[in-house]
Amino acid sequence: MPLAETSSEGGLVAARVIVRGRVQGVYFRSSVKQQADIRGVRGWVRNNADGSVEALLQGPREAVSEVAAWMRAGPRGSRVDSTDVEWLNEDEPFAGFDIVG
């Protein structure tokens, strides 16, 4: 069960999302960036050494929720086995959305 959503300054919310399954090598990170850019969500996405994909999403609550929900399904060719969402207090706004690592 995810933690309650929390707002930081300016009405922004932030969420850390970790997705496990067949999520590396299937354009998952670039697809997350595309979904974030469409919705005006800022933050980053990266591959983790354990084979998961992790993202920090920041923006209006509805937009962050939409990207997190999209990540539960992922792009064609991926297989999402589990998704963890943790709502955070993130006071420093990000300038854009980046693929890191």
PDB file of N, CA and C in Angstrom:
ATOM      1  N   MET A   1       0.855  -1.179   0.000  1.00  0.00           N
ATOM      2  CA  MET A   1       0.000   0.000   0.000  1.00  0.00           C
ATOM      3  C   MET A   1       0.895   1.235   0.000  1.00  0.00           C
ATOM      4  N   PRO A   2       0.712   2.153  -0.993  1.00  0.00           N
ATOM      5  CA  PRO A   2       1.573   3.324  -1.053  1.00  0.00           C
ATOM      6  C   PRO A   2       1.298   4.276   0.093  1.00  0.00           C
ATOM      7  N   LEU A   3       2.319   5.034   0.433  1.00  0.00           N
ATOM      8  CA  LEU A   3       2.156   6.072   1.443  1.00  0.00           C
ATOM      9  C   LEU A   3       1.240   7.156   0.920  1.00  0.00           C
ATOM     10  N   ALA A   4       0.703   7.951   1.799  1.00  0.00           N
ATOM     11  CA  ALA A   4      -0.162   9.053   1.391  1.00  0.00           C
ATOM     12  C   ALA A   4       0.627  10.061   0.572  1.00  0.00           C
ATOM     13  N   GLU A   5      -0.034  10.642  -0.413  1.00  0.00           N
ATOM     14  CA  GLU A   5       0.599  11.654  -1.229  1.00  0.00           C
ATOM     15  C   GLU A   5       0.833  12.898  -0.392  1.00  0.00           C
ATOM     16  N   THR A   6       1.986  13.525  -0.570  1.00  0.00           N
ATOM     17  CA  THR A   6       2.284  14.738   0.170  1.00  0.00           C
ATOM     18  C   THR A   6       2.676  15.830  -0.799  1.00  0.00           C
ATOM     19  N   SER A   7       2.241  17.033  -0.523  1.00  0.00           N
ATOM     20  CA  SER A   7       2.550  18.182  -1.370  1.00  0.00           C
ATOM     21  C   SER A   7       3.721  18.941  -0.804  1.00  0.00           C
ATOM     22  N   SER A   8       4.593  19.386  -1.685  1.00  0.00           N
ATOM     23  CA  SER A   8       5.659  20.281  -1.288  1.00  0.00           C
ATOM     24  C   SER A   8       5.274  21.683  -1.730  1.00  0.00           C
ATOM     25  N   GLU A   9       6.199  22.591  -1.677  1.00  0.00           N
ATOM     26  CA  GLU A   9       5.920  23.976  -2.052  1.00  0.00           C
ATOM     27  C   GLU A   9       5.382  24.053  -3.476  1.00  0.00           C
ATOM     28  N   GLY A  10       4.475  24.991  -3.716  1.00  0.00           N
ATOM     29  CA  GLY A  10       3.965  25.229  -5.056  1.00  0.00           C
ATOM     30  C   GLY A  10       2.979  24.199  -5.547  1.00  0.00           C
ATOM     31  N   GLY A  11       2.435  23.355  -4.680  1.00  0.00           N
ATOM     32  CA  GLY A  11       1.449  22.376  -5.098  1.00  0.00           C
ATOM     33  C   GLY A  11       2.031  21.177  -5.823  1.00  0.00           C
ATOM     34  N   LEU A  12       3.338  21.004  -5.767  1.00  0.00           N
ATOM     35  CA  LEU A  12       3.967  19.854  -6.410  1.00  0.00           C
ATOM     36  C   LEU A  12       3.955  18.662  -5.472  1.00  0.00           C
ATOM     37  N   VAL A  13       3.864  17.478  -6.042  1.00  0.00           N
ATOM     38  CA  VAL A  13       4.062  16.254  -5.294  1.00  0.00           C
ATOM     39  C   VAL A  13       5.219  15.514  -5.937  1.00  0.00           C
ATOM     40  N   ALA A  14       5.787  14.580  -5.189  1.00  0.00           N
ATOM     41  CA  ALA A  14       6.877  13.766  -5.720  1.00  0.00           C
ATOM     42  C   ALA A  14       6.652  12.317  -5.342  1.00  0.00           C
ATOM     43  N   ALA A  15       7.079  11.440  -6.228  1.00  0.00           N
ATOM     44  CA  ALA A  15       6.959  10.006  -5.975  1.00  0.00           C
ATOM     45  C   ALA A  15       8.192   9.298  -6.503  1.00  0.00           C
ATOM     46  N   ARG A  16       8.657   8.335  -5.731  1.00  0.00           N
ATOM     47  CA  ARG A  16       9.729   7.435  -6.162  1.00  0.00           C
ATOM     48  C   ARG A  16       9.054   6.143  -6.590  1.00  0.00           C
ATOM     49  N   VAL A  17       9.332   5.717  -7.825  1.00  0.00           N
ATOM     50  CA  VAL A  17       8.699   4.524  -8.384  1.00  0.00           C
ATOM     51  C   VAL A  17       9.793   3.531  -8.762  1.00  0.00           C
ATOM     52  N   ILE A  18       9.668   2.293  -8.297  1.00  0.00           N
ATOM     53  CA  ILE A  18      10.588   1.227  -8.685  1.00  0.00           C
ATOM     54  C   ILE A  18       9.773   0.137  -9.365  1.00  0.00           C
ATOM     55  N   VAL A  19      10.201  -0.219 -10.570  1.00  0.00           N
ATOM     56  CA  VAL A  19       9.497  -1.208 -11.382  1.00  0.00           C
ATOM     57  C   VAL A  19      10.424  -2.404 -11.593  1.00  0.00           C
ATOM     58  N   ARG A  20       9.895  -3.592 -11.347  1.00  0.00           N
ATOM     59  CA  ARG A  20      10.666  -4.821 -11.523  1.00  0.00           C
ATOM     60  C   ARG A  20       9.999  -5.700 -12.577  1.00  0.00           C
ATOM     61  N   GLY A  21      10.812  -6.470 -13.250  1.00  0.00           N
ATOM     62  CA  GLY A  21      10.337  -7.364 -14.305  1.00  0.00           C
ATOM     63  C   GLY A  21      11.288  -7.286 -15.477  1.00  0.00           C
ATOM     64  N   ARG A  22      10.763  -7.455 -16.660  1.00  0.00           N
ATOM     65  CA  ARG A  22      11.568  -7.274 -17.874  1.00  0.00           C
ATOM     66  C   ARG A  22      11.435  -5.806 -18.282  1.00  0.00           C
ATOM     67  N   VAL A  23      12.265  -4.972 -17.650  1.00  0.00           N
ATOM     68  CA  VAL A  23      12.112  -3.526 -17.822  1.00  0.00           C
ATOM     69  C   VAL A  23      13.399  -2.838 -18.280  1.00  0.00           C
ATOM     70  N   GLN A  24      14.452  -3.608 -18.509  1.00  0.00           N
ATOM     71  CA  GLN A  24      15.673  -3.039 -19.071  1.00  0.00           C
ATOM     72  C   GLN A  24      15.870  -3.603 -20.466  1.00  0.00           C
ATOM     73  N   GLY A  25      16.368  -2.759 -21.375  1.00  0.00           N
ATOM     74  CA  GLY A  25      16.588  -3.193 -22.747  1.00  0.00           C
ATOM     75  C   GLY A  25      15.332  -3.193 -23.589  1.00  0.00           C
ATOM     76  N   VAL A  26      14.266  -2.534 -23.115  1.00  0.00           N
ATOM     77  CA  VAL A  26      12.991  -2.493 -23.852  1.00  0.00           C
ATOM     78  C   VAL A  26      12.492  -1.049 -23.992  1.00  0.00           C
ATOM     79  N   TYR A  27      13.415  -0.090 -23.952  1.00  0.00           N
ATOM     80  CA  TYR A  27      13.092   1.341 -24.078  1.00  0.00           C
ATOM     81  C   TYR A  27      12.197   1.849 -22.957  1.00  0.00           C
ATOM     82  N   PHE A  28      12.289   1.211 -21.792  1.00  0.00           N
ATOM     83  CA  PHE A  28      11.451   1.625 -20.670  1.00  0.00           C
ATOM     84  C   PHE A  28      11.787   3.045 -20.228  1.00  0.00           C
ATOM     85  N   ARG A  29      13.085   3.341 -20.040  1.00  0.00           N
ATOM     86  CA  ARG A  29      13.468   4.677 -19.565  1.00  0.00           C
ATOM     87  C   ARG A  29      13.062   5.766 -20.557  1.00  0.00           C
ATOM     88  N   SER A  30      13.315   5.552 -21.839  1.00  0.00           N
ATOM     89  CA  SER A  30      12.951   6.588 -22.813  1.00  0.00           C
ATOM     90  C   SER A  30      11.438   6.746 -22.904  1.00  0.00           C
ATOM     91  N   SER A  31      10.706   5.658 -22.710  1.00  0.00           N
ATOM     92  CA  SER A  31       9.241   5.738 -22.715  1.00  0.00           C
ATOM     93  C   SER A  31       8.723   6.489 -21.489  1.00  0.00           C
ATOM     94  N   VAL A  32       9.361   6.270 -20.329  1.00  0.00           N
ATOM     95  CA  VAL A  32       8.978   7.016 -19.125  1.00  0.00           C
ATOM     96  C   VAL A  32       9.228   8.501 -19.350  1.00  0.00           C
ATOM     97  N   LYS A  33      10.383   8.836 -19.935  1.00  0.00           N
ATOM     98  CA  LYS A  33      10.689  10.245 -20.213  1.00  0.00           C
ATOM     99  C   LYS A  33       9.637  10.851 -21.134  1.00  0.00           C
ATOM    100  N   GLN A  34       9.248  10.113 -22.162  1.00  0.00           N
ATOM    101  CA  GLN A  34       8.227  10.605 -23.084  1.00  0.00           C
ATOM    102  C   GLN A  34       6.905  10.862 -22.348  1.00  0.00           C
ATOM    103  N   GLN A  35       6.485   9.918 -21.500  1.00  0.00           N
ATOM    104  CA  GLN A  35       5.247  10.091 -20.739  1.00  0.00           C
ATOM    105  C   GLN A  35       5.344  11.283 -19.783  1.00  0.00           C
ATOM    106  N   ALA A  36       6.506  11.444 -19.146  1.00  0.00           N
ATOM    107  CA  ALA A  36       6.706  12.570 -18.229  1.00  0.00           C
ATOM    108  C   ALA A  36       6.673  13.894 -18.990  1.00  0.00           C
ATOM    109  N   ASP A  37       7.349  13.948 -20.125  1.00  0.00           N
ATOM    110  CA  ASP A  37       7.382  15.181 -20.917  1.00  0.00           C
ATOM    111  C   ASP A  37       5.982  15.578 -21.393  1.00  0.00           C
ATOM    112  N   ILE A  38       5.199  14.611 -21.818  1.00  0.00           N
ATOM    113  CA  ILE A  38       3.830  14.877 -22.277  1.00  0.00           C
ATOM    114  C   ILE A  38       3.011  15.535 -21.169  1.00  0.00           C
ATOM    115  N   ARG A  39       3.230  15.106 -19.933  1.00  0.00           N
ATOM    116  CA  ARG A  39       2.421  15.573 -18.799  1.00  0.00           C
ATOM    117  C   ARG A  39       3.066  16.692 -17.989  1.00  0.00           C
ATOM    118  N   GLY A  40       4.260  17.129 -18.393  1.00  0.00           N
ATOM    119  CA  GLY A  40       4.942  18.197 -17.663  1.00  0.00           C
ATOM    120  C   GLY A  40       5.529  17.755 -16.339  1.00  0.00           C
ATOM    121  N   VAL A  41       5.821  16.470 -16.207  1.00  0.00           N
ATOM    122  CA  VAL A  41       6.411  15.931 -14.983  1.00  0.00           C
ATOM    123  C   VAL A  41       7.929  16.069 -15.078  1.00  0.00           C
ATOM    124  N   ARG A  42       8.540  16.454 -13.965  1.00  0.00           N
ATOM    125  CA  ARG A  42       9.995  16.609 -13.902  1.00  0.00           C
ATOM    126  C   ARG A  42      10.596  15.499 -13.056  1.00  0.00           C
ATOM    127  N   GLY A  43      11.925  15.360 -13.118  1.00  0.00           N
ATOM    128  CA  GLY A  43      12.614  14.367 -12.312  1.00  0.00           C
ATOM    129  C   GLY A  43      13.629  13.597 -13.116  1.00  0.00           C
ATOM    130  N   TRP A  44      13.707  12.278 -12.876  1.00  0.00           N
ATOM    131  CA  TRP A  44      14.677  11.432 -13.563  1.00  0.00           C
ATOM    132  C   TRP A  44      14.224   9.982 -13.551  1.00  0.00           C
ATOM    133  N   VAL A  45      14.869   9.187 -14.416  1.00  0.00           N
ATOM    134  CA  VAL A  45      14.653   7.746 -14.472  1.00  0.00           C
ATOM    135  C   VAL A  45      16.002   7.097 -14.730  1.00  0.00           C
ATOM    136  N   ARG A  46      16.218   5.910 -14.121  1.00  0.00           N
ATOM    137  CA  ARG A  46      17.487   5.207 -14.303  1.00  0.00           C
ATOM    138  C   ARG A  46      17.287   3.704 -14.185  1.00  0.00           C
ATOM    139  N   ASN A  47      18.235   2.965 -14.772  1.00  0.00           N
ATOM    140  CA  ASN A  47      18.321   1.521 -14.558  1.00  0.00           C
ATOM    141  C   ASN A  47      19.082   1.278 -13.272  1.00  0.00           C
ATOM    142  N   ASN A  48      18.668   0.296 -12.499  1.00  0.00           N
ATOM    143  CA  ASN A  48      19.392  -0.121 -11.303  1.00  0.00           C
ATOM    144  C   ASN A  48      20.144  -1.416 -11.581  1.00  0.00           C
ATOM    145  N   ALA A  49      21.190  -1.648 -10.816  1.00  0.00           N
ATOM    146  CA  ALA A  49      22.034  -2.831 -10.999  1.00  0.00           C
ATOM    147  C   ALA A  49      21.260  -4.138 -10.818  1.00  0.00           C
ATOM    148  N   ASP A  50      20.169  -4.109 -10.037  1.00  0.00           N
ATOM    149  CA  ASP A  50      19.392  -5.329  -9.796  1.00  0.00           C
ATOM    150  C   ASP A  50      18.399  -5.646 -10.919  1.00  0.00           C
ATOM    151  N   GLY A  51      18.421  -4.859 -12.002  1.00  0.00           N
ATOM    152  CA  GLY A  51      17.532  -5.093 -13.132  1.00  0.00           C
ATOM    153  C   GLY A  51      16.246  -4.302 -13.094  1.00  0.00           C
ATOM    154  N   SER A  52      16.020  -3.557 -12.022  1.00  0.00           N
ATOM    155  CA  SER A  52      14.816  -2.730 -11.915  1.00  0.00           C
ATOM    156  C   SER A  52      15.047  -1.375 -12.584  1.00  0.00           C
ATOM    157  N   VAL A  53      13.967  -0.651 -12.769  1.00  0.00           N
ATOM    158  CA  VAL A  53      14.008   0.737 -13.228  1.00  0.00           C
ATOM    159  C   VAL A  53      13.430   1.588 -12.108  1.00  0.00           C
ATOM    160  N   GLU A  54      14.106   2.689 -11.807  1.00  0.00           N
ATOM    161  CA  GLU A  54      13.692   3.595 -10.739  1.00  0.00           C
ATOM    162  C   GLU A  54      13.472   4.980 -11.315  1.00  0.00           C
ATOM    163  N   ALA A  55      12.434   5.654 -10.853  1.00  0.00           N
ATOM    164  CA  ALA A  55      12.159   7.015 -11.293  1.00  0.00           C
ATOM    165  C   ALA A  55      11.786   7.880 -10.103  1.00  0.00           C
ATOM    166  N   LEU A  56      12.167   9.135 -10.163  1.00  0.00           N
ATOM    167  CA  LEU A  56      11.678  10.133  -9.228  1.00  0.00           C
ATOM    168  C   LEU A  56      10.843  11.095 -10.060  1.00  0.00           C
ATOM    169  N   LEU A  57       9.570  11.169  -9.762  1.00  0.00           N
ATOM    170  CA  LEU A  57       8.614  11.976 -10.523  1.00  0.00           C
ATOM    171  C   LEU A  57       8.170  13.148  -9.677  1.00  0.00           C
ATOM    172  N   GLN A  58       8.104  14.329 -10.272  1.00  0.00           N
ATOM    173  CA  GLN A  58       7.687  15.518  -9.535  1.00  0.00           C
ATOM    174  C   GLN A  58       6.810  16.384 -10.435  1.00  0.00           C
ATOM    175  N   GLY A  59       5.696  16.838  -9.890  1.00  0.00           N
ATOM    176  CA  GLY A  59       4.800  17.698 -10.653  1.00  0.00           C
ATOM    177  C   GLY A  59       3.448  17.751  -9.991  1.00  0.00           C
ATOM    178  N   PRO A  60       2.436  18.211 -10.734  1.00  0.00           N
ATOM    179  CA  PRO A  60       1.073  18.204 -10.200  1.00  0.00           C
ATOM    180  C   PRO A  60       0.640  16.770  -9.888  1.00  0.00           C
ATOM    181  N   ARG A  61      -0.131  16.603  -8.829  1.00  0.00           N
ATOM    182  CA  ARG A  61      -0.526  15.274  -8.355  1.00  0.00           C
ATOM    183  C   ARG A  61      -1.110  14.400  -9.450  1.00  0.00           C
ATOM    184  N   GLU A  62      -2.031  14.920 -10.227  1.00  0.00           N
ATOM    185  CA  GLU A  62      -2.670  14.114 -11.271  1.00  0.00           C
ATOM    186  C   GLU A  62      -1.656  13.647 -12.311  1.00  0.00           C
ATOM    187  N   ALA A  63      -0.748  14.526 -12.714  1.00  0.00           N
ATOM    188  CA  ALA A  63       0.252  14.174 -13.722  1.00  0.00           C
ATOM    189  C   ALA A  63       1.219  13.115 -13.197  1.00  0.00           C
ATOM    190  N   VAL A  64       1.689  13.271 -11.963  1.00  0.00           N
ATOM    191  CA  VAL A  64       2.593  12.282 -11.365  1.00  0.00           C
ATOM    192  C   VAL A  64       1.876  10.936 -11.241  1.00  0.00           C
ATOM    193  N   SER A  65       0.630  10.953 -10.815  1.00  0.00           N
ATOM    194  CA  SER A  65      -0.142   9.718 -10.694  1.00  0.00           C
ATOM    195  C   SER A  65      -0.316   9.028 -12.040  1.00  0.00           C
ATOM    196  N   GLU A  66      -0.526   9.815 -13.102  1.00  0.00           N
ATOM    197  CA  GLU A  66      -0.692   9.241 -14.439  1.00  0.00           C
ATOM    198  C   GLU A  66       0.582   8.569 -14.923  1.00  0.00           C
ATOM    199  N   VAL A  67       1.736   9.203 -14.702  1.00  0.00           N
ATOM    200  CA  VAL A  67       3.001   8.589 -15.122  1.00  0.00           C
ATOM    201  C   VAL A  67       3.261   7.322 -14.301  1.00  0.00           C
ATOM    202  N   ALA A  68       3.037   7.385 -12.993  1.00  0.00           N
ATOM    203  CA  ALA A  68       3.225   6.201 -12.148  1.00  0.00           C
ATOM    204  C   ALA A  68       2.300   5.065 -12.595  1.00  0.00           C
ATOM    205  N   ALA A  69       1.071   5.379 -12.935  1.00  0.00           N
ATOM    206  CA  ALA A  69       0.128   4.363 -13.404  1.00  0.00           C
ATOM    207  C   ALA A  69       0.590   3.785 -14.741  1.00  0.00           C
ATOM    208  N   TRP A  70       1.087   4.624 -15.640  1.00  0.00           N
ATOM    209  CA  TRP A  70       1.611   4.140 -16.918  1.00  0.00           C
ATOM    210  C   TRP A  70       2.766   3.172 -16.684  1.00  0.00           C
ATOM    211  N   MET A  71       3.615   3.474 -15.704  1.00  0.00           N
ATOM    212  CA  MET A  71       4.772   2.626 -15.419  1.00  0.00           C
ATOM    213  C   MET A  71       4.357   1.238 -14.948  1.00  0.00           C
ATOM    214  N   ARG A  72       3.156   1.077 -14.422  1.00  0.00           N
ATOM    215  CA  ARG A  72       2.682  -0.242 -13.989  1.00  0.00           C
ATOM    216  C   ARG A  72       2.472  -1.178 -15.172  1.00  0.00           C
ATOM    217  N   ALA A  73       2.275  -0.623 -16.358  1.00  0.00           N
ATOM    218  CA  ALA A  73       2.105  -1.429 -17.573  1.00  0.00           C
ATOM    219  C   ALA A  73       3.370  -1.410 -18.421  1.00  0.00           C
ATOM    220  N   GLY A  74       3.979  -0.230 -18.576  1.00  0.00           N
ATOM    221  CA  GLY A  74       5.205  -0.093 -19.344  1.00  0.00           C
ATOM    222  C   GLY A  74       4.973  -0.121 -20.846  1.00  0.00           C
ATOM    223  N   PRO A  75       6.055   0.023 -21.601  1.00  0.00           N
ATOM    224  CA  PRO A  75       5.947   0.020 -23.055  1.00  0.00           C
ATOM    225  C   PRO A  75       5.800  -1.397 -23.604  1.00  0.00           C
ATOM    226  N   ARG A  76       5.435  -1.482 -24.865  1.00  0.00           N
ATOM    227  CA  ARG A  76       5.354  -2.772 -25.539  1.00  0.00           C
ATOM    228  C   ARG A  76       6.717  -3.461 -25.446  1.00  0.00           C
ATOM    229  N   GLY A  77       6.726  -4.723 -25.190  1.00  0.00           N
ATOM    230  CA  GLY A  77       7.962  -5.477 -25.066  1.00  0.00           C
ATOM    231  C   GLY A  77       8.440  -5.635 -23.635  1.00  0.00           C
ATOM    232  N   SER A  78       7.875  -4.849 -22.732  1.00  0.00           N
ATOM    233  CA  SER A  78       8.255  -4.978 -21.323  1.00  0.00           C
ATOM    234  C   SER A  78       7.298  -5.936 -20.624  1.00  0.00           C
ATOM    235  N   ARG A  79       7.717  -6.375 -19.442  1.00  0.00           N
ATOM    236  CA  ARG A  79       6.846  -7.171 -18.580  1.00  0.00           C
ATOM    237  C   ARG A  79       7.046  -6.659 -17.156  1.00  0.00           C
ATOM    238  N   VAL A  80       6.040  -6.030 -16.605  1.00  0.00           N
ATOM    239  CA  VAL A  80       6.132  -5.484 -15.259  1.00  0.00           C
ATOM    240  C   VAL A  80       5.598  -6.525 -14.279  1.00  0.00           C
ATOM    241  N   ASP A  81       6.492  -6.956 -13.368  1.00  0.00           N
ATOM    242  CA  ASP A  81       6.100  -7.931 -12.343  1.00  0.00           C
ATOM    243  C   ASP A  81       5.618  -7.245 -11.068  1.00  0.00           C
ATOM    244  N   SER A  82       6.242  -6.114 -10.721  1.00  0.00           N
ATOM    245  CA  SER A  82       5.818  -5.386  -9.525  1.00  0.00           C
ATOM    246  C   SER A  82       6.220  -3.917  -9.649  1.00  0.00           C
ATOM    247  N   THR A  83       5.473  -3.093  -8.958  1.00  0.00           N
ATOM    248  CA  THR A  83       5.738  -1.652  -8.937  1.00  0.00           C
ATOM    249  C   THR A  83       5.565  -1.165  -7.509  1.00  0.00           C
ATOM    250  N   ASP A  84       6.581  -0.472  -6.994  1.00  0.00           N
ATOM    251  CA  ASP A  84       6.506   0.158  -5.679  1.00  0.00           C
ATOM    252  C   ASP A  84       6.463   1.663  -5.872  1.00  0.00           C
ATOM    253  N   VAL A  85       5.522   2.317  -5.220  1.00  0.00           N
ATOM    254  CA  VAL A  85       5.409   3.772  -5.275  1.00  0.00           C
ATOM    255  C   VAL A  85       5.509   4.311  -3.861  1.00  0.00           C
ATOM    256  N   GLU A  86       6.423   5.251  -3.673  1.00  0.00           N
ATOM    257  CA  GLU A  86       6.600   5.907  -2.373  1.00  0.00           C
ATOM    258  C   GLU A  86       6.441   7.414  -2.591  1.00  0.00           C
ATOM    259  N   TRP A  87       5.464   8.007  -1.947  1.00  0.00           N
ATOM    260  CA  TRP A  87       5.237   9.452  -2.053  1.00  0.00           C
ATOM    261  C   TRP A  87       6.195  10.161  -1.105  1.00  0.00           C
ATOM    262  N   LEU A  88       6.824  11.219  -1.590  1.00  0.00           N
ATOM    263  CA  LEU A  88       7.904  11.900  -0.881  1.00  0.00           C
ATOM    264  C   LEU A  88       7.615  13.377  -0.688  1.00  0.00           C
ATOM    265  N   ASN A  89       8.331  13.980   0.248  1.00  0.00           N
ATOM    266  CA  ASN A  89       8.414  15.432   0.348  1.00  0.00           C
ATOM    267  C   ASN A  89       9.662  15.840  -0.412  1.00  0.00           C
ATOM    268  N   GLU A  90       9.522  16.542  -1.493  1.00  0.00           N
ATOM    269  CA  GLU A  90      10.648  16.961  -2.327  1.00  0.00           C
ATOM    270  C   GLU A  90      10.497  18.456  -2.561  1.00  0.00           C
ATOM    271  N   ASP A  91      11.274  19.248  -1.822  1.00  0.00           N
ATOM    272  CA  ASP A  91      11.100  20.701  -1.856  1.00  0.00           C
ATOM    273  C   ASP A  91      11.805  21.387  -3.012  1.00  0.00           C
ATOM    274  N   GLU A  92      12.866  20.793  -3.533  1.00  0.00           N
ATOM    275  CA  GLU A  92      13.611  21.425  -4.617  1.00  0.00           C
ATOM    276  C   GLU A  92      13.046  20.991  -5.957  1.00  0.00           C
ATOM    277  N   PRO A  93      12.490  21.930  -6.722  1.00  0.00           N
ATOM    278  CA  PRO A  93      11.925  21.540  -8.028  1.00  0.00           C
ATOM    279  C   PRO A  93      13.035  21.189  -9.027  1.00  0.00           C
ATOM    280  N   PHE A  94      12.780  20.182  -9.825  1.00  0.00           N
ATOM    281  CA  PHE A  94      13.688  19.808 -10.897  1.00  0.00           C
ATOM    282  C   PHE A  94      13.431  20.707 -12.098  1.00  0.00           C
ATOM    283  N   ALA A  95      14.455  20.907 -12.929  1.00  0.00           N
ATOM    284  CA  ALA A  95      14.337  21.780 -14.108  1.00  0.00           C
ATOM    285  C   ALA A  95      13.685  21.056 -15.277  1.00  0.00           C
ATOM    286  N   GLY A  96      13.799  19.752 -15.343  1.00  0.00           N
ATOM    287  CA  GLY A  96      13.258  18.983 -16.452  1.00  0.00           C
ATOM    288  C   GLY A  96      13.196  17.518 -16.075  1.00  0.00           C
ATOM    289  N   PHE A  97      13.173  16.652 -17.081  1.00  0.00           N
ATOM    290  CA  PHE A  97      13.171  15.223 -16.830  1.00  0.00           C
ATOM    291  C   PHE A  97      14.340  14.606 -17.558  1.00  0.00           C
ATOM    292  N   ASP A  98      15.167  13.855 -16.833  1.00  0.00           N
ATOM    293  CA  ASP A  98      16.401  13.299 -17.388  1.00  0.00           C
ATOM    294  C   ASP A  98      16.436  11.781 -17.269  1.00  0.00           C
ATOM    295  N   ILE A  99      17.106  11.162 -18.236  1.00  0.00           N
ATOM    296  CA  ILE A  99      17.478   9.762 -18.145  1.00  0.00           C
ATOM    297  C   ILE A  99      18.897   9.769 -17.596  1.00  0.00           C
ATOM    298  N   VAL A 100      19.104   9.126 -16.458  1.00  0.00           N
ATOM    299  CA  VAL A 100      20.439   9.119 -15.831  1.00  0.00           C
ATOM    300  C   VAL A 100      21.021   7.719 -15.867  1.00  0.00           C
ATOM    301  N   GLY A 101      22.341   7.661 -15.900  1.00  0.00           N
ATOM    302  CA  GLY A 101      23.028   6.377 -15.880  1.00  0.00           C
ATOM    303  C   GLY A 101      23.099   5.690 -17.193  1.00  0.00           C
TER     304      GLY A 101
END
